[in-house]
Amino acid sequence: MIEQQVDQNLTDSAERYVLGAAMVDADALPTLRIILGERDSVFFAEKHRLIYAALRRLADLNIPADIFTLTRE
């Protein structure tokens, strides 16, 4: 049980770091799309799946992703 909780915490942190990199560095998202593809299912947390999908939609519309455009998306 404790091991599962630690793994879950590490996964959540890793997902947040990946999404944060995509918001901070405009060059990160194209690289992430190559590595992760278009599948939201690579993220365990539903909220992270939604954020990744929104980041991709914004990129497809050539809208820079930041906290403001992302929350409106």
N, C-alpha and C. Protein backbone atom coordinates (compact mmCIF):
# COMPACT_ATOMS: atom_id res chain seq x y z
N MET A 1 0.82 -1.20 0.00
CA MET A 1 0.00 0.00 0.00
C MET A 1 0.86 1.26 0.00
N ILE A 2 1.87 1.31 0.84
CA ILE A 2 2.74 2.49 0.90
C ILE A 2 3.50 2.63 -0.41
N GLU A 3 3.97 1.51 -0.96
CA GLU A 3 4.69 1.54 -2.22
C GLU A 3 3.82 2.08 -3.35
N GLN A 4 2.57 1.69 -3.38
CA GLN A 4 1.64 2.18 -4.40
C GLN A 4 1.43 3.69 -4.25
N GLN A 5 1.33 4.17 -3.02
CA GLN A 5 1.15 5.60 -2.77
C GLN A 5 2.36 6.39 -3.24
N VAL A 6 3.56 5.87 -2.99
CA VAL A 6 4.79 6.55 -3.42
C VAL A 6 4.83 6.61 -4.94
N ASP A 7 4.52 5.48 -5.60
CA ASP A 7 4.51 5.46 -7.05
C ASP A 7 3.50 6.46 -7.61
N GLN A 8 2.35 6.55 -6.99
CA GLN A 8 1.32 7.49 -7.43
C GLN A 8 1.80 8.93 -7.28
N ASN A 9 2.47 9.23 -6.18
CA ASN A 9 2.99 10.57 -5.95
C ASN A 9 4.07 10.91 -6.98
N LEU A 10 4.94 9.95 -7.26
CA LEU A 10 5.99 10.19 -8.24
C LEU A 10 5.42 10.39 -9.64
N THR A 11 4.42 9.61 -9.97
CA THR A 11 3.77 9.74 -11.27
C THR A 11 3.12 11.10 -11.41
N ASP A 12 2.42 11.53 -10.38
CA ASP A 12 1.76 12.84 -10.41
C ASP A 12 2.79 13.95 -10.58
N SER A 13 3.88 13.87 -9.85
CA SER A 13 4.93 14.89 -9.97
C SER A 13 5.53 14.89 -11.37
N ALA A 14 5.81 13.72 -11.90
CA ALA A 14 6.40 13.64 -13.23
C ALA A 14 5.46 14.23 -14.28
N GLU A 15 4.19 13.92 -14.18
CA GLU A 15 3.22 14.46 -15.13
C GLU A 15 3.16 15.98 -15.03
N ARG A 16 3.19 16.51 -13.81
CA ARG A 16 3.15 17.97 -13.65
C ARG A 16 4.39 18.61 -14.24
N TYR A 17 5.55 17.99 -14.07
CA TYR A 17 6.79 18.54 -14.64
C TYR A 17 6.73 18.55 -16.17
N VAL A 18 6.23 17.49 -16.76
CA VAL A 18 6.13 17.41 -18.22
C VAL A 18 5.20 18.49 -18.75
N LEU A 19 4.04 18.63 -18.13
CA LEU A 19 3.09 19.65 -18.59
C LEU A 19 3.62 21.06 -18.33
N GLY A 20 4.29 21.25 -17.21
CA GLY A 20 4.88 22.55 -16.91
C GLY A 20 5.93 22.94 -17.94
N ALA A 21 6.73 21.98 -18.37
CA ALA A 21 7.75 22.24 -19.39
C ALA A 21 7.09 22.69 -20.69
N ALA A 22 5.97 22.09 -21.02
CA ALA A 22 5.26 22.46 -22.25
C ALA A 22 4.71 23.87 -22.17
N MET A 23 4.39 24.33 -20.98
CA MET A 23 3.86 25.69 -20.84
C MET A 23 4.98 26.73 -20.76
N VAL A 24 6.12 26.36 -20.24
CA VAL A 24 7.22 27.30 -20.06
C VAL A 24 8.06 27.45 -21.33
N ASP A 25 8.24 26.35 -22.04
CA ASP A 25 9.12 26.34 -23.21
C ASP A 25 8.30 25.99 -24.45
N ALA A 26 8.17 26.93 -25.35
CA ALA A 26 7.36 26.72 -26.55
C ALA A 26 7.88 25.58 -27.42
N ASP A 27 9.17 25.28 -27.33
CA ASP A 27 9.74 24.19 -28.12
C ASP A 27 9.50 22.82 -27.51
N ALA A 28 9.04 22.77 -26.29
CA ALA A 28 8.86 21.49 -25.61
C ALA A 28 7.65 20.72 -26.14
N LEU A 29 6.56 21.39 -26.43
CA LEU A 29 5.35 20.69 -26.85
C LEU A 29 5.53 19.90 -28.14
N PRO A 30 6.14 20.46 -29.18
CA PRO A 30 6.34 19.63 -30.38
C PRO A 30 7.16 18.36 -30.08
N THR A 31 8.14 18.48 -29.23
CA THR A 31 8.94 17.32 -28.85
C THR A 31 8.09 16.32 -28.06
N LEU A 32 7.29 16.83 -27.15
CA LEU A 32 6.40 15.95 -26.39
C LEU A 32 5.42 15.23 -27.31
N ARG A 33 4.93 15.93 -28.30
CA ARG A 33 3.98 15.30 -29.23
C ARG A 33 4.63 14.17 -30.01
N ILE A 34 5.90 14.31 -30.31
CA ILE A 34 6.63 13.23 -30.98
C ILE A 34 6.79 12.04 -30.04
N ILE A 35 7.17 12.32 -28.81
CA ILE A 35 7.43 11.25 -27.84
C ILE A 35 6.13 10.61 -27.35
N LEU A 36 5.17 11.44 -26.96
CA LEU A 36 3.93 10.92 -26.36
C LEU A 36 2.84 10.65 -27.38
N GLY A 37 2.93 11.30 -28.51
CA GLY A 37 1.89 11.15 -29.52
C GLY A 37 0.68 11.99 -29.17
N GLU A 38 -0.42 11.63 -29.76
CA GLU A 38 -1.66 12.38 -29.58
C GLU A 38 -2.56 11.73 -28.53
N ARG A 39 -2.05 10.74 -27.86
CA ARG A 39 -2.85 10.00 -26.88
C ARG A 39 -2.83 10.68 -25.52
N ASP A 40 -3.99 11.05 -25.05
CA ASP A 40 -4.09 11.61 -23.70
C ASP A 40 -3.89 10.52 -22.65
N SER A 41 -4.07 9.28 -23.05
CA SER A 41 -4.02 8.16 -22.10
C SER A 41 -2.64 7.92 -21.52
N VAL A 42 -1.61 8.61 -22.02
CA VAL A 42 -0.28 8.44 -21.44
C VAL A 42 -0.21 9.06 -20.04
N PHE A 43 -1.17 9.91 -19.72
CA PHE A 43 -1.24 10.52 -18.39
C PHE A 43 -2.22 9.74 -17.53
N PHE A 44 -1.84 9.48 -16.30
CA PHE A 44 -2.70 8.74 -15.39
C PHE A 44 -3.82 9.62 -14.83
N ALA A 45 -3.49 10.85 -14.49
CA ALA A 45 -4.47 11.76 -13.87
C ALA A 45 -5.36 12.37 -14.96
N GLU A 46 -6.65 12.30 -14.74
CA GLU A 46 -7.61 12.86 -15.69
C GLU A 46 -7.35 14.34 -15.93
N LYS A 47 -7.03 15.08 -14.87
CA LYS A 47 -6.77 16.51 -15.04
C LYS A 47 -5.58 16.76 -15.95
N HIS A 48 -4.59 15.88 -15.90
CA HIS A 48 -3.43 16.03 -16.76
C HIS A 48 -3.76 15.67 -18.21
N ARG A 49 -4.64 14.71 -18.40
CA ARG A 49 -5.10 14.37 -19.76
C ARG A 49 -5.79 15.58 -20.39
N LEU A 50 -6.63 16.25 -19.60
CA LEU A 50 -7.35 17.43 -20.09
C LEU A 50 -6.39 18.56 -20.45
N ILE A 51 -5.40 18.76 -19.61
CA ILE A 51 -4.41 19.82 -19.86
C ILE A 51 -3.61 19.52 -21.12
N TYR A 52 -3.17 18.26 -21.28
CA TYR A 52 -2.40 17.89 -22.46
C TYR A 52 -3.25 18.09 -23.73
N ALA A 53 -4.49 17.70 -23.69
CA ALA A 53 -5.39 17.89 -24.84
C ALA A 53 -5.55 19.38 -25.14
N ALA A 54 -5.71 20.19 -24.11
CA ALA A 54 -5.86 21.64 -24.31
C ALA A 54 -4.59 22.25 -24.88
N LEU A 55 -3.43 21.81 -24.40
CA LEU A 55 -2.16 22.30 -24.94
C LEU A 55 -2.03 21.98 -26.42
N ARG A 56 -2.43 20.78 -26.80
CA ARG A 56 -2.37 20.39 -28.21
C ARG A 56 -3.33 21.23 -29.05
N ARG A 57 -4.55 21.46 -28.55
CA ARG A 57 -5.52 22.28 -29.29
C ARG A 57 -4.99 23.70 -29.50
N LEU A 58 -4.45 24.28 -28.45
CA LEU A 58 -3.90 25.63 -28.56
C LEU A 58 -2.77 25.67 -29.58
N ALA A 59 -1.90 24.68 -29.54
CA ALA A 59 -0.78 24.63 -30.49
C ALA A 59 -1.29 24.51 -31.92
N ASP A 60 -2.32 23.71 -32.12
CA ASP A 60 -2.90 23.54 -33.46
C ASP A 60 -3.49 24.85 -33.99
N LEU A 61 -3.92 25.71 -33.07
CA LEU A 61 -4.48 27.01 -33.45
C LEU A 61 -3.42 28.12 -33.44
N ASN A 62 -2.17 27.73 -33.20
CA ASN A 62 -1.05 28.68 -33.11
C ASN A 62 -1.27 29.73 -32.03
N ILE A 63 -1.88 29.32 -30.93
CA ILE A 63 -2.08 30.19 -29.78
C ILE A 63 -1.07 29.78 -28.71
N PRO A 64 -0.25 30.73 -28.25
CA PRO A 64 0.72 30.38 -27.21
C PRO A 64 0.02 29.87 -25.94
N ALA A 65 0.56 28.84 -25.38
CA ALA A 65 -0.02 28.27 -24.16
C ALA A 65 0.58 28.96 -22.94
N ASP A 66 -0.28 29.55 -22.16
CA ASP A 66 0.11 30.09 -20.86
C ASP A 66 -1.05 29.85 -19.92
N ILE A 67 -0.91 30.26 -18.71
CA ILE A 67 -1.95 29.97 -17.71
C ILE A 67 -3.29 30.59 -18.10
N PHE A 68 -3.27 31.72 -18.78
CA PHE A 68 -4.51 32.40 -19.14
C PHE A 68 -5.22 31.72 -20.32
N THR A 69 -4.44 31.45 -21.39
CA THR A 69 -5.07 30.80 -22.54
C THR A 69 -5.47 29.36 -22.21
N LEU A 70 -4.71 28.72 -21.35
CA LEU A 70 -5.02 27.34 -20.99
C LEU A 70 -6.29 27.25 -20.16
N THR A 71 -6.46 28.16 -19.23
CA THR A 71 -7.69 28.10 -18.41
C THR A 71 -8.92 28.47 -19.20
N ARG A 72 -8.76 29.29 -20.24
CA ARG A 72 -9.90 29.62 -21.09
C ARG A 72 -10.26 28.48 -22.02
N GLU A 73 -9.27 27.66 -22.34
CA GLU A 73 -9.48 26.54 -23.25
C GLU A 73 -10.31 25.48 -22.54
